[in-house]
Amino acid sequence: MDTLNIILYFLARVVARVGLFFCHPVFLVYGRKNIPEGRAVICSNHSGLADPVWLSIGLRQKRRFCIMAKESLLEMPVLKYLFRWLRMIGVRRGEGDVQAVKVAMRALKSGDKLLIFPEGTRIRNGARVEAKTGAVMLAARTDSPILPIFLTWKRRLWSPMRMIIGEPYRVGSERPNAEELRRLTDEMMDKIFALGERE
């Protein structure tokens, strides 16, 4: 079954790239050598609906990584089965979703990668918002490296897409307090946006 899932995941990425080709024919990926083996918290800026797809294509992982997303996606008719197969973890926005955190921590502790958009929603035009601290908390609690990634936010039809993968790093504190979480999260977002300073 695992081999079948690997093949299906590869084919899904191929089909997705063909579909996205007609919007962005050029997709440039830098820094694949920085992708760590084993578990990691993948953190990226978020400005487009297809960002999880671009990340799946660009990272070229054999195994499906988990994706934290709003719970309403897992309630959509028909598509919910696809999203569950893609290992999405539904999160209830605006409240501390303890169950989602537990599922995410189990995934990381079992060696999986976890994708989180710390901004919590799509942010257009390069604006900066106060990011959520959950990604740093999960990385700290599971001693997982954070993999910062920048995705192009200036998206015009047929314009090139760029994905820049930074160097993984650890936050160095198992149970940071609220003040430390805020500081570490701001530092993480600085790292992400520094990757795209040439945009």
N, C-alpha and C. Protein backbone atom coordinates (compact mmCIF):
# COMPACT_ATOMS: atom_id res chain seq x y z
N MET A 1 0.83 -1.21 0.00
CA MET A 1 0.00 0.00 0.00
C MET A 1 0.86 1.26 0.00
N ASP A 2 1.98 1.21 0.76
CA ASP A 2 2.85 2.38 0.82
C ASP A 2 3.44 2.68 -0.56
N THR A 3 3.84 1.64 -1.28
CA THR A 3 4.38 1.82 -2.63
C THR A 3 3.32 2.41 -3.56
N LEU A 4 2.10 1.93 -3.44
CA LEU A 4 1.01 2.46 -4.26
C LEU A 4 0.77 3.94 -3.96
N ASN A 5 0.81 4.30 -2.70
CA ASN A 5 0.62 5.71 -2.32
C ASN A 5 1.74 6.59 -2.87
N ILE A 6 2.97 6.08 -2.87
CA ILE A 6 4.09 6.82 -3.43
C ILE A 6 3.88 7.08 -4.91
N ILE A 7 3.43 6.05 -5.63
CA ILE A 7 3.19 6.18 -7.07
C ILE A 7 2.04 7.16 -7.33
N LEU A 8 0.95 7.03 -6.57
CA LEU A 8 -0.20 7.91 -6.75
C LEU A 8 0.16 9.36 -6.42
N TYR A 9 0.98 9.54 -5.39
CA TYR A 9 1.39 10.89 -5.00
C TYR A 9 2.25 11.52 -6.09
N PHE A 10 3.14 10.73 -6.68
CA PHE A 10 3.97 11.22 -7.79
C PHE A 10 3.10 11.62 -8.97
N LEU A 11 2.14 10.77 -9.32
CA LEU A 11 1.25 11.06 -10.45
C LEU A 11 0.40 12.29 -10.17
N ALA A 12 -0.05 12.44 -8.92
CA ALA A 12 -0.85 13.61 -8.56
C ALA A 12 -0.04 14.89 -8.73
N ARG A 13 1.24 14.85 -8.38
CA ARG A 13 2.09 16.03 -8.55
C ARG A 13 2.30 16.35 -10.03
N VAL A 14 2.45 15.32 -10.84
CA VAL A 14 2.63 15.52 -12.28
C VAL A 14 1.38 16.17 -12.88
N VAL A 15 0.22 15.63 -12.53
CA VAL A 15 -1.05 16.18 -13.04
C VAL A 15 -1.23 17.63 -12.58
N ALA A 16 -0.90 17.90 -11.31
CA ALA A 16 -1.04 19.25 -10.78
C ALA A 16 -0.11 20.22 -11.51
N ARG A 17 1.11 19.78 -11.79
CA ARG A 17 2.05 20.68 -12.48
C ARG A 17 1.58 20.97 -13.90
N VAL A 18 1.03 19.97 -14.58
CA VAL A 18 0.50 20.19 -15.93
C VAL A 18 -0.63 21.22 -15.88
N GLY A 19 -1.49 21.09 -14.88
CA GLY A 19 -2.60 22.03 -14.75
C GLY A 19 -2.12 23.44 -14.46
N LEU A 20 -1.15 23.57 -13.56
CA LEU A 20 -0.65 24.89 -13.19
C LEU A 20 0.26 25.50 -14.25
N PHE A 21 0.73 24.67 -15.19
CA PHE A 21 1.60 25.16 -16.25
C PHE A 21 0.92 26.28 -17.03
N PHE A 22 -0.38 26.20 -17.21
CA PHE A 22 -1.09 27.18 -18.02
C PHE A 22 -1.27 28.51 -17.29
N CYS A 23 -0.99 28.54 -15.99
CA CYS A 23 -1.01 29.79 -15.22
C CYS A 23 0.41 30.32 -15.02
N HIS A 24 1.33 29.41 -14.69
CA HIS A 24 2.73 29.78 -14.43
C HIS A 24 3.63 28.73 -15.08
N PRO A 25 3.97 28.91 -16.35
CA PRO A 25 4.77 27.88 -17.05
C PRO A 25 6.17 27.70 -16.48
N VAL A 26 6.74 28.73 -15.87
CA VAL A 26 8.10 28.64 -15.31
C VAL A 26 8.01 28.51 -13.79
N PHE A 27 8.61 27.46 -13.25
CA PHE A 27 8.64 27.25 -11.81
C PHE A 27 10.08 26.96 -11.41
N LEU A 28 10.69 27.90 -10.69
CA LEU A 28 12.08 27.78 -10.30
C LEU A 28 12.17 27.45 -8.82
N VAL A 29 12.95 26.43 -8.49
CA VAL A 29 13.11 26.00 -7.10
C VAL A 29 14.59 26.07 -6.73
N TYR A 30 14.88 26.75 -5.62
CA TYR A 30 16.25 26.90 -5.14
C TYR A 30 16.37 26.29 -3.74
N GLY A 31 17.47 25.62 -3.48
CA GLY A 31 17.78 25.16 -2.13
C GLY A 31 17.23 23.79 -1.75
N ARG A 32 16.97 22.94 -2.72
CA ARG A 32 16.47 21.59 -2.36
C ARG A 32 17.44 20.84 -1.47
N LYS A 33 18.71 21.16 -1.57
CA LYS A 33 19.72 20.49 -0.73
C LYS A 33 19.49 20.76 0.75
N ASN A 34 18.69 21.77 1.06
CA ASN A 34 18.43 22.13 2.46
C ASN A 34 17.34 21.28 3.11
N ILE A 35 16.63 20.49 2.32
CA ILE A 35 15.52 19.69 2.87
C ILE A 35 16.10 18.59 3.76
N PRO A 36 15.74 18.58 5.04
CA PRO A 36 16.31 17.56 5.94
C PRO A 36 15.63 16.21 5.77
N GLU A 37 16.34 15.18 6.13
CA GLU A 37 15.74 13.85 6.20
C GLU A 37 14.86 13.79 7.45
N GLY A 38 13.83 12.98 7.40
CA GLY A 38 13.00 12.80 8.59
C GLY A 38 12.10 13.98 8.87
N ARG A 39 11.69 14.09 10.13
CA ARG A 39 10.68 15.07 10.48
C ARG A 39 11.17 16.50 10.34
N ALA A 40 10.21 17.38 10.08
CA ALA A 40 10.50 18.81 9.98
C ALA A 40 9.17 19.55 9.94
N VAL A 41 9.19 20.78 10.44
CA VAL A 41 8.03 21.66 10.33
C VAL A 41 8.31 22.61 9.17
N ILE A 42 7.59 22.44 8.08
CA ILE A 42 7.76 23.26 6.88
C ILE A 42 6.91 24.52 7.05
N CYS A 43 7.55 25.68 7.01
CA CYS A 43 6.83 26.94 7.22
C CYS A 43 7.06 27.86 6.03
N SER A 44 5.97 28.33 5.45
CA SER A 44 6.05 29.17 4.26
C SER A 44 5.11 30.36 4.38
N ASN A 45 5.44 31.44 3.67
CA ASN A 45 4.47 32.51 3.51
C ASN A 45 3.31 31.99 2.67
N HIS A 46 2.18 32.68 2.68
CA HIS A 46 0.96 32.14 2.06
C HIS A 46 0.21 33.26 1.36
N SER A 47 0.22 33.24 0.03
CA SER A 47 -0.48 34.29 -0.71
C SER A 47 -1.37 33.76 -1.82
N GLY A 48 -1.38 32.44 -2.03
CA GLY A 48 -2.20 31.89 -3.11
C GLY A 48 -2.87 30.59 -2.72
N LEU A 49 -4.02 30.34 -3.30
CA LEU A 49 -4.80 29.15 -3.00
C LEU A 49 -4.03 27.87 -3.31
N ALA A 50 -3.18 27.92 -4.32
CA ALA A 50 -2.46 26.72 -4.76
C ALA A 50 -1.12 26.52 -4.04
N ASP A 51 -0.85 27.30 -3.02
CA ASP A 51 0.45 27.19 -2.34
C ASP A 51 0.79 25.78 -1.87
N PRO A 52 -0.15 25.04 -1.24
CA PRO A 52 0.20 23.67 -0.84
C PRO A 52 0.59 22.79 -2.03
N VAL A 53 -0.02 23.06 -3.18
CA VAL A 53 0.30 22.28 -4.38
C VAL A 53 1.70 22.62 -4.87
N TRP A 54 2.01 23.93 -4.91
CA TRP A 54 3.36 24.33 -5.34
C TRP A 54 4.42 23.73 -4.42
N LEU A 55 4.14 23.71 -3.13
CA LEU A 55 5.11 23.14 -2.18
C LEU A 55 5.26 21.64 -2.39
N SER A 56 4.17 20.95 -2.65
CA SER A 56 4.25 19.51 -2.90
C SER A 56 5.08 19.23 -4.15
N ILE A 57 4.86 20.03 -5.20
CA ILE A 57 5.60 19.85 -6.44
C ILE A 57 7.08 20.17 -6.22
N GLY A 58 7.34 21.30 -5.58
CA GLY A 58 8.71 21.78 -5.43
C GLY A 58 9.57 20.95 -4.49
N LEU A 59 8.98 20.42 -3.42
CA LEU A 59 9.76 19.66 -2.45
C LEU A 59 10.10 18.26 -2.93
N ARG A 60 9.28 17.71 -3.83
CA ARG A 60 9.55 16.39 -4.44
C ARG A 60 9.73 15.29 -3.40
N GLN A 61 8.90 15.28 -2.39
CA GLN A 61 9.00 14.22 -1.38
C GLN A 61 8.30 12.96 -1.86
N LYS A 62 8.87 11.81 -1.57
CA LYS A 62 8.21 10.56 -1.94
C LYS A 62 6.95 10.34 -1.11
N ARG A 63 7.07 10.61 0.18
CA ARG A 63 5.93 10.41 1.09
C ARG A 63 5.12 11.69 1.19
N ARG A 64 3.83 11.54 1.31
CA ARG A 64 2.96 12.69 1.53
C ARG A 64 3.26 13.29 2.90
N PHE A 65 3.50 14.59 2.95
CA PHE A 65 3.66 15.22 4.26
C PHE A 65 2.30 15.71 4.74
N CYS A 66 2.17 15.90 6.03
CA CYS A 66 0.91 16.38 6.60
C CYS A 66 0.78 17.88 6.36
N ILE A 67 -0.45 18.34 6.25
CA ILE A 67 -0.72 19.75 6.00
C ILE A 67 -1.78 20.22 6.99
N MET A 68 -1.47 21.26 7.74
CA MET A 68 -2.47 21.84 8.63
C MET A 68 -3.29 22.85 7.84
N ALA A 69 -4.63 22.67 7.85
CA ALA A 69 -5.51 23.52 7.06
C ALA A 69 -6.81 23.73 7.82
N LYS A 70 -7.58 24.71 7.39
CA LYS A 70 -8.84 24.99 8.08
C LYS A 70 -9.78 23.78 7.95
N GLU A 71 -10.47 23.50 9.03
CA GLU A 71 -11.29 22.30 9.13
C GLU A 71 -12.39 22.23 8.08
N SER A 72 -12.87 23.39 7.63
CA SER A 72 -13.98 23.41 6.66
C SER A 72 -13.61 22.70 5.36
N LEU A 73 -12.32 22.65 5.02
CA LEU A 73 -11.90 21.95 3.80
C LEU A 73 -12.20 20.46 3.88
N LEU A 74 -12.13 19.92 5.10
CA LEU A 74 -12.37 18.49 5.29
C LEU A 74 -13.85 18.16 5.38
N GLU A 75 -14.68 19.17 5.18
CA GLU A 75 -16.13 18.95 5.20
C GLU A 75 -16.74 19.14 3.82
N MET A 76 -15.90 19.41 2.81
CA MET A 76 -16.40 19.64 1.45
C MET A 76 -16.77 18.31 0.81
N PRO A 77 -17.94 18.26 0.15
CA PRO A 77 -18.36 17.02 -0.51
C PRO A 77 -17.30 16.54 -1.51
N VAL A 78 -17.09 15.26 -1.57
CA VAL A 78 -16.16 14.60 -2.50
C VAL A 78 -14.71 14.99 -2.23
N LEU A 79 -14.39 16.29 -2.25
CA LEU A 79 -13.01 16.73 -2.08
C LEU A 79 -12.44 16.35 -0.72
N LYS A 80 -13.32 16.19 0.26
CA LYS A 80 -12.82 15.85 1.60
C LYS A 80 -12.05 14.53 1.59
N TYR A 81 -12.42 13.60 0.71
CA TYR A 81 -11.72 12.32 0.63
C TYR A 81 -10.31 12.52 0.07
N LEU A 82 -10.20 13.41 -0.91
CA LEU A 82 -8.88 13.73 -1.47
C LEU A 82 -8.02 14.41 -0.42
N PHE A 83 -8.59 15.38 0.29
CA PHE A 83 -7.83 16.11 1.29
C PHE A 83 -7.37 15.19 2.42
N ARG A 84 -8.20 14.25 2.79
CA ARG A 84 -7.79 13.31 3.84
C ARG A 84 -6.67 12.40 3.34
N TRP A 85 -6.77 11.98 2.07
CA TRP A 85 -5.69 11.17 1.50
C TRP A 85 -4.39 11.97 1.46
N LEU A 86 -4.51 13.28 1.24
CA LEU A 86 -3.34 14.15 1.22
C LEU A 86 -2.84 14.47 2.63
N ARG A 87 -3.46 13.86 3.63
CA ARG A 87 -3.04 13.94 5.02
C ARG A 87 -3.19 15.34 5.60
N MET A 88 -4.30 15.99 5.26
CA MET A 88 -4.60 17.28 5.85
C MET A 88 -5.11 17.10 7.28
N ILE A 89 -4.67 17.97 8.15
CA ILE A 89 -5.12 18.00 9.54
C ILE A 89 -6.01 19.22 9.71
N GLY A 90 -7.28 19.00 9.96
CA GLY A 90 -8.22 20.11 10.09
C GLY A 90 -8.03 20.87 11.39
N VAL A 91 -8.01 22.19 11.29
CA VAL A 91 -7.84 23.06 12.47
C VAL A 91 -9.04 24.00 12.57
N ARG A 92 -9.62 24.06 13.75
CA ARG A 92 -10.71 25.02 13.98
C ARG A 92 -10.10 26.38 14.26
N ARG A 93 -10.39 27.33 13.39
CA ARG A 93 -9.80 28.66 13.52
C ARG A 93 -10.40 29.42 14.70
N GLY A 94 -9.57 30.27 15.29
CA GLY A 94 -10.05 31.14 16.34
C GLY A 94 -10.18 30.50 17.70
N GLU A 95 -9.69 29.28 17.84
CA GLU A 95 -9.75 28.61 19.14
C GLU A 95 -8.58 27.64 19.25
N GLY A 96 -8.21 27.32 20.46
CA GLY A 96 -7.12 26.37 20.66
C GLY A 96 -7.58 24.96 20.35
N ASP A 97 -7.21 24.45 19.19
CA ASP A 97 -7.66 23.12 18.76
C ASP A 97 -6.68 22.07 19.29
N VAL A 98 -6.94 21.60 20.49
CA VAL A 98 -6.03 20.66 21.16
C VAL A 98 -5.91 19.37 20.36
N GLN A 99 -7.00 18.89 19.79
CA GLN A 99 -6.97 17.63 19.05
C GLN A 99 -6.06 17.74 17.82
N ALA A 100 -6.16 18.86 17.10
CA ALA A 100 -5.31 19.05 15.92
C ALA A 100 -3.84 19.10 16.32
N VAL A 101 -3.55 19.74 17.45
CA VAL A 101 -2.17 19.81 17.93
C VAL A 101 -1.65 18.42 18.26
N LYS A 102 -2.48 17.60 18.90
CA LYS A 102 -2.07 16.23 19.24
C LYS A 102 -1.77 15.41 17.99
N VAL A 103 -2.64 15.54 16.97
CA VAL A 103 -2.44 14.81 15.72
C VAL A 103 -1.13 15.25 15.05
N ALA A 104 -0.89 16.57 15.04
CA ALA A 104 0.32 17.11 14.43
C ALA A 104 1.56 16.63 15.16
N MET A 105 1.50 16.61 16.48
CA MET A 105 2.66 16.17 17.27
C MET A 105 2.94 14.68 17.03
N ARG A 106 1.90 13.88 16.92
CA ARG A 106 2.10 12.44 16.64
C ARG A 106 2.76 12.26 15.29
N ALA A 107 2.32 13.04 14.31
CA ALA A 107 2.90 12.93 12.97
C ALA A 107 4.39 13.26 13.00
N LEU A 108 4.75 14.34 13.66
CA LEU A 108 6.16 14.73 13.74
C LEU A 108 6.99 13.70 14.50
N LYS A 109 6.47 13.22 15.61
CA LYS A 109 7.21 12.25 16.41
C LYS A 109 7.40 10.92 15.68
N SER A 110 6.51 10.65 14.71
CA SER A 110 6.66 9.42 13.93
C SER A 110 7.59 9.61 12.73
N GLY A 111 8.14 10.82 12.59
CA GLY A 111 9.12 11.07 11.52
C GLY A 111 8.58 11.74 10.29
N ASP A 112 7.32 12.20 10.33
CA ASP A 112 6.72 12.85 9.17
C ASP A 112 7.08 14.33 9.12
N LYS A 113 6.93 14.91 7.95
CA LYS A 113 7.04 16.35 7.79
C LYS A 113 5.64 16.96 7.89
N LEU A 114 5.60 18.19 8.39
CA LEU A 114 4.33 18.88 8.60
C LEU A 114 4.41 20.27 8.00
N LEU A 115 3.46 20.59 7.11
CA LEU A 115 3.41 21.91 6.48
C LEU A 115 2.43 22.80 7.23
N ILE A 116 2.91 23.98 7.61
CA ILE A 116 2.07 24.97 8.28
C ILE A 116 2.30 26.34 7.62
N PHE A 117 1.22 27.06 7.39
CA PHE A 117 1.32 28.46 6.96
C PHE A 117 1.11 29.32 8.20
N PRO A 118 2.18 29.83 8.82
CA PRO A 118 2.04 30.53 10.10
C PRO A 118 1.15 31.77 10.05
N GLU A 119 1.00 32.37 8.87
CA GLU A 119 0.15 33.55 8.77
C GLU A 119 -1.33 33.21 9.00
N GLY A 120 -1.67 31.93 8.83
CA GLY A 120 -3.02 31.48 9.14
C GLY A 120 -4.03 31.66 8.03
N THR A 121 -3.73 32.51 7.06
CA THR A 121 -4.63 32.73 5.93
C THR A 121 -3.81 33.35 4.80
N ARG A 122 -4.41 33.50 3.63
CA ARG A 122 -3.67 34.07 2.51
C ARG A 122 -3.48 35.57 2.71
N ILE A 123 -2.23 36.02 2.54
CA ILE A 123 -1.89 37.43 2.68
C ILE A 123 -1.33 37.91 1.35
N ARG A 124 -1.98 38.87 0.75
CA ARG A 124 -1.59 39.32 -0.59
C ARG A 124 -0.73 40.58 -0.53
N ASN A 125 -0.08 40.86 -1.66
CA ASN A 125 0.69 42.10 -1.86
C ASN A 125 1.87 42.24 -0.89
N GLY A 126 2.37 41.14 -0.38
CA GLY A 126 3.56 41.19 0.45
C GLY A 126 3.37 41.81 1.82
N ALA A 127 2.13 41.96 2.26
CA ALA A 127 1.86 42.55 3.57
C ALA A 127 2.38 41.64 4.68
N ARG A 128 2.68 42.23 5.83
CA ARG A 128 3.12 41.46 6.99
C ARG A 128 2.02 41.50 8.05
N VAL A 129 1.72 40.34 8.60
CA VAL A 129 0.75 40.24 9.69
C VAL A 129 1.41 39.49 10.83
N GLU A 130 0.81 39.55 12.00
CA GLU A 130 1.34 38.82 13.14
C GLU A 130 1.04 37.33 12.96
N ALA A 131 2.08 36.54 12.77
CA ALA A 131 1.91 35.12 12.51
C ALA A 131 1.52 34.37 13.78
N LYS A 132 0.85 33.24 13.58
CA LYS A 132 0.47 32.38 14.70
C LYS A 132 1.72 31.66 15.23
N THR A 133 1.71 31.36 16.52
CA THR A 133 2.89 30.77 17.16
C THR A 133 2.90 29.23 17.16
N GLY A 134 1.85 28.63 16.59
CA GLY A 134 1.71 27.18 16.66
C GLY A 134 2.85 26.41 16.02
N ALA A 135 3.39 26.91 14.90
CA ALA A 135 4.47 26.19 14.20
C ALA A 135 5.70 26.08 15.08
N VAL A 136 6.07 27.18 15.72
CA VAL A 136 7.25 27.17 16.60
C VAL A 136 7.00 26.28 17.81
N MET A 137 5.79 26.33 18.37
CA MET A 137 5.46 25.49 19.52
C MET A 137 5.60 24.02 19.17
N LEU A 138 5.07 23.61 18.01
CA LEU A 138 5.16 22.21 17.60
C LEU A 138 6.61 21.79 17.36
N ALA A 139 7.38 22.67 16.73
CA ALA A 139 8.79 22.37 16.48
C ALA A 139 9.55 22.20 17.79
N ALA A 140 9.25 23.07 18.76
CA ALA A 140 9.94 23.01 20.05
C ALA A 140 9.56 21.74 20.82
N ARG A 141 8.27 21.45 20.86
CA ARG A 141 7.80 20.30 21.65
C ARG A 141 8.31 18.97 21.09
N THR A 142 8.56 18.89 19.79
CA THR A 142 8.96 17.63 19.17
C THR A 142 10.44 17.63 18.75
N ASP A 143 11.16 18.70 19.09
CA ASP A 143 12.56 18.85 18.69
C ASP A 143 12.72 18.64 17.19
N SER A 144 11.83 19.27 16.43
CA SER A 144 11.87 19.17 14.96
C SER A 144 12.49 20.43 14.37
N PRO A 145 13.28 20.29 13.32
CA PRO A 145 13.80 21.49 12.66
C PRO A 145 12.69 22.22 11.92
N ILE A 146 12.81 23.53 11.85
CA ILE A 146 11.91 24.34 11.04
C ILE A 146 12.58 24.56 9.69
N LEU A 147 11.83 24.32 8.62
CA LEU A 147 12.34 24.53 7.26
C LEU A 147 11.63 25.75 6.67
N PRO A 148 12.30 26.92 6.64
CA PRO A 148 11.65 28.12 6.11
C PRO A 148 11.65 28.13 4.58
N ILE A 149 10.52 28.53 4.01
CA ILE A 149 10.38 28.55 2.56
C ILE A 149 9.67 29.84 2.14
N PHE A 150 10.15 30.43 1.06
CA PHE A 150 9.49 31.61 0.50
C PHE A 150 8.91 31.26 -0.87
N LEU A 151 7.65 31.62 -1.07
CA LEU A 151 6.98 31.46 -2.36
C LEU A 151 6.67 32.84 -2.95
N THR A 152 6.83 32.95 -4.25
CA THR A 152 6.51 34.20 -4.95
C THR A 152 5.13 34.70 -4.55
N TRP A 153 5.03 35.99 -4.23
CA TRP A 153 3.72 36.55 -3.91
C TRP A 153 3.20 37.47 -5.02
N LYS A 154 4.09 37.93 -5.91
CA LYS A 154 3.65 38.74 -7.06
C LYS A 154 3.24 37.78 -8.17
N ARG A 155 1.95 37.51 -8.28
CA ARG A 155 1.51 36.46 -9.21
C ARG A 155 0.58 37.02 -10.28
N ARG A 156 1.18 37.26 -11.42
CA ARG A 156 0.39 37.63 -12.58
C ARG A 156 0.33 36.42 -13.50
N LEU A 157 -0.69 36.35 -14.31
CA LEU A 157 -0.85 35.21 -15.22
C LEU A 157 0.38 35.06 -16.09
N TRP A 158 0.92 33.84 -16.13
CA TRP A 158 2.09 33.45 -16.90
C TRP A 158 3.40 33.99 -16.35
N SER A 159 3.37 34.64 -15.19
CA SER A 159 4.63 35.09 -14.60
C SER A 159 5.34 33.90 -13.95
N PRO A 160 6.66 33.97 -13.81
CA PRO A 160 7.40 32.86 -13.19
C PRO A 160 7.05 32.71 -11.70
N MET A 161 7.07 31.48 -11.24
CA MET A 161 6.92 31.18 -9.82
C MET A 161 8.29 30.81 -9.28
N ARG A 162 8.61 31.31 -8.08
CA ARG A 162 9.86 30.95 -7.45
C ARG A 162 9.58 30.37 -6.07
N MET A 163 10.36 29.37 -5.72
CA MET A 163 10.29 28.76 -4.40
C MET A 163 11.71 28.68 -3.88
N ILE A 164 11.96 29.34 -2.74
CA ILE A 164 13.31 29.37 -2.18
C ILE A 164 13.29 28.67 -0.83
N ILE A 165 14.06 27.61 -0.72
CA ILE A 165 14.11 26.80 0.49
C ILE A 165 15.32 27.20 1.31
N GLY A 166 15.06 27.70 2.52
CA GLY A 166 16.16 28.13 3.39
C GLY A 166 16.76 26.97 4.15
N GLU A 167 17.73 27.28 4.99
CA GLU A 167 18.39 26.26 5.79
C GLU A 167 17.54 25.91 7.01
N PRO A 168 17.40 24.62 7.31
CA PRO A 168 16.63 24.23 8.49
C PRO A 168 17.35 24.64 9.77
N TYR A 169 16.58 24.90 10.80
CA TYR A 169 17.17 25.28 12.08
C TYR A 169 16.25 24.84 13.21
N ARG A 170 16.79 24.73 14.41
CA ARG A 170 15.99 24.37 15.58
C ARG A 170 15.85 25.58 16.49
N VAL A 171 14.72 25.65 17.19
CA VAL A 171 14.46 26.81 18.05
C VAL A 171 15.24 26.75 19.35
N GLY A 172 15.66 25.56 19.78
CA GLY A 172 16.55 25.44 20.93
C GLY A 172 15.90 25.53 22.30
N SER A 173 14.58 25.46 22.36
CA SER A 173 13.90 25.50 23.65
C SER A 173 12.71 24.56 23.60
N GLU A 174 12.65 23.61 24.52
CA GLU A 174 11.60 22.60 24.46
C GLU A 174 10.22 23.16 24.81
N ARG A 175 10.16 24.03 25.79
CA ARG A 175 8.87 24.59 26.21
C ARG A 175 8.98 26.12 26.37
N PRO A 176 9.08 26.83 25.26
CA PRO A 176 9.17 28.29 25.35
C PRO A 176 7.88 28.89 25.91
N ASN A 177 8.02 29.95 26.70
CA ASN A 177 6.83 30.62 27.23
C ASN A 177 6.22 31.50 26.13
N ALA A 178 5.12 32.17 26.47
CA ALA A 178 4.39 32.95 25.47
C ALA A 178 5.26 34.03 24.85
N GLU A 179 6.05 34.69 25.67
CA GLU A 179 6.92 35.76 25.16
C GLU A 179 7.98 35.21 24.22
N GLU A 180 8.56 34.08 24.59
CA GLU A 180 9.57 33.45 23.73
C GLU A 180 8.95 32.96 22.44
N LEU A 181 7.75 32.39 22.51
CA LEU A 181 7.07 31.92 21.30
C LEU A 181 6.85 33.07 20.33
N ARG A 182 6.43 34.21 20.86
CA ARG A 182 6.21 35.38 20.00
C ARG A 182 7.50 35.82 19.33
N ARG A 183 8.55 35.90 20.12
CA ARG A 183 9.85 36.33 19.58
C ARG A 183 10.36 35.34 18.54
N LEU A 184 10.30 34.04 18.84
CA LEU A 184 10.79 33.01 17.93
C LEU A 184 9.96 32.96 16.64
N THR A 185 8.67 33.21 16.77
CA THR A 185 7.80 33.22 15.58
C THR A 185 8.12 34.41 14.69
N ASP A 186 8.32 35.58 15.29
CA ASP A 186 8.70 36.75 14.50
C ASP A 186 10.03 36.54 13.80
N GLU A 187 10.97 35.91 14.50
CA GLU A 187 12.28 35.62 13.90
C GLU A 187 12.12 34.65 12.73
N MET A 188 11.24 33.65 12.88
CA MET A 188 10.99 32.69 11.80
C MET A 188 10.44 33.40 10.57
N MET A 189 9.47 34.30 10.76
CA MET A 189 8.89 35.01 9.62
C MET A 189 9.93 35.93 8.98
N ASP A 190 10.82 36.51 9.77
CA ASP A 190 11.91 37.32 9.21
C ASP A 190 12.78 36.46 8.30
N LYS A 191 13.08 35.23 8.75
CA LYS A 191 13.89 34.32 7.93
C LYS A 191 13.18 34.00 6.61
N ILE A 192 11.87 33.76 6.69
CA ILE A 192 11.10 33.43 5.48
C ILE A 192 11.12 34.58 4.49
N PHE A 193 10.83 35.79 4.96
CA PHE A 193 10.75 36.92 4.04
C PHE A 193 12.13 37.37 3.58
N ALA A 194 13.15 37.10 4.37
CA ALA A 194 14.52 37.43 3.93
C ALA A 194 14.89 36.62 2.69
N LEU A 195 14.34 35.42 2.58
CA LEU A 195 14.62 34.58 1.41
C LEU A 195 14.08 35.21 0.13
N GLY A 196 13.04 36.01 0.25
CA GLY A 196 12.41 36.58 -0.93
C GLY A 196 12.64 38.07 -1.12
N GLU A 197 13.73 38.58 -0.54
CA GLU A 197 13.96 40.02 -0.60
C GLU A 197 14.16 40.55 -2.02
N ARG A 198 14.47 39.65 -2.95
CA ARG A 198 14.67 40.10 -4.34
C ARG A 198 13.37 40.22 -5.12
N GLU A 199 12.24 39.85 -4.48
CA GLU A 199 10.94 39.91 -5.19
C GLU A 199 10.60 41.33 -5.59
